């Protein structure tokens, strides 16, 4: 199938979802992302020691799928 025809078909399929009800089944998980700068490597194990700057909690699992569908 040519690229243009495939794109048109996919866009048509997406438009058909408009106005439909959708059920997402899955776990609602909170994903936490921790940001910082690497300070050093631990002497006890090959693990990076992070100097904490901030953390962000975002929806994960089924909650992420719902969030993606809604936006």
Protein backbone atom coordinates (compact mmCIF):
# COMPACT_ATOMS: atom_id res chain seq x y z
CA UNK A 1 0.00 0.00 0.00
CA UNK A 2 1.36 3.39 -0.94
CA UNK A 3 2.32 5.83 1.82
CA UNK A 4 -0.33 8.41 0.83
CA UNK A 5 -3.17 5.86 0.76
CA UNK A 6 -2.09 4.40 4.09
CA UNK A 7 -2.02 7.86 5.67
CA UNK A 8 -5.51 8.66 4.34
CA UNK A 9 -6.85 5.35 5.64
CA UNK A 10 -5.36 5.92 9.10
CA UNK A 11 -6.76 9.46 9.26
CA UNK A 12 -10.19 8.14 8.27
CA UNK A 13 -10.02 5.48 11.01
CA UNK A 14 -9.08 8.12 13.59
CA UNK A 15 -12.01 10.31 12.50
CA UNK A 16 -14.39 7.36 12.95
CA UNK A 17 -13.48 7.25 16.66
CA UNK A 18 -14.84 10.77 17.16
CA UNK A 19 -18.00 10.68 19.29
CA UNK A 20 -17.52 7.01 20.25
CA UNK A 21 -17.32 5.79 23.82
CA UNK A 22 -14.14 4.00 24.74
CA UNK A 23 -13.25 1.77 27.68
CA UNK A 24 -9.64 1.45 28.78
CA UNK A 25 -8.90 -1.46 31.11
CA UNK A 26 -5.61 -1.39 32.97
CA UNK A 27 -3.76 -0.45 36.12
CA UNK A 28 -3.68 3.16 37.21
CA UNK A 29 -0.03 3.78 38.05
CA UNK A 30 1.84 6.90 39.10
CA UNK A 31 5.17 7.20 37.28
CA UNK A 32 7.72 9.27 39.19
CA UNK A 33 10.62 10.81 37.30
CA UNK A 34 13.51 12.03 39.46
CA UNK A 35 15.88 14.61 38.00
CA UNK A 36 19.25 15.74 39.25
CA UNK A 37 22.94 15.88 38.56
CA UNK A 38 25.27 12.92 38.94
CA UNK A 39 27.47 13.65 41.93
CA UNK A 40 29.71 10.59 41.96
CA UNK A 41 29.81 6.79 41.74
CA UNK A 42 29.22 4.80 44.92
CA UNK A 43 32.23 2.98 46.41
CA UNK A 44 30.10 0.01 47.50
CA UNK A 45 28.50 -0.74 44.13
CA UNK A 46 28.60 0.57 40.56
CA UNK A 47 25.69 2.93 41.25
CA UNK A 48 25.50 6.61 40.39
CA UNK A 49 24.85 8.98 43.31
CA UNK A 50 22.36 11.62 42.22
CA UNK A 51 22.18 15.13 43.64
CA UNK A 52 18.39 15.58 43.73
CA UNK A 53 16.90 18.59 41.95
CA UNK A 54 13.22 17.78 41.37
CA UNK A 55 10.71 15.03 40.74
CA UNK A 56 7.62 14.89 38.56
CA UNK A 57 4.70 12.48 38.96
CA UNK A 58 2.79 11.62 35.78
CA UNK A 59 0.05 9.11 34.99
CA UNK A 60 1.35 5.69 34.01
CA UNK A 61 -0.08 2.36 32.86
CA UNK A 62 -3.77 2.55 31.94
CA UNK A 63 -3.94 6.12 33.24
CA UNK A 64 -1.29 7.12 30.69
CA UNK A 65 -3.34 5.51 27.89
CA UNK A 66 -6.44 7.45 29.00
CA UNK A 67 -4.43 10.67 29.19
CA UNK A 68 -3.08 10.11 25.66
CA UNK A 69 -6.56 9.42 24.27
CA UNK A 70 -8.01 12.52 25.95
CA UNK A 71 -5.39 14.88 24.50
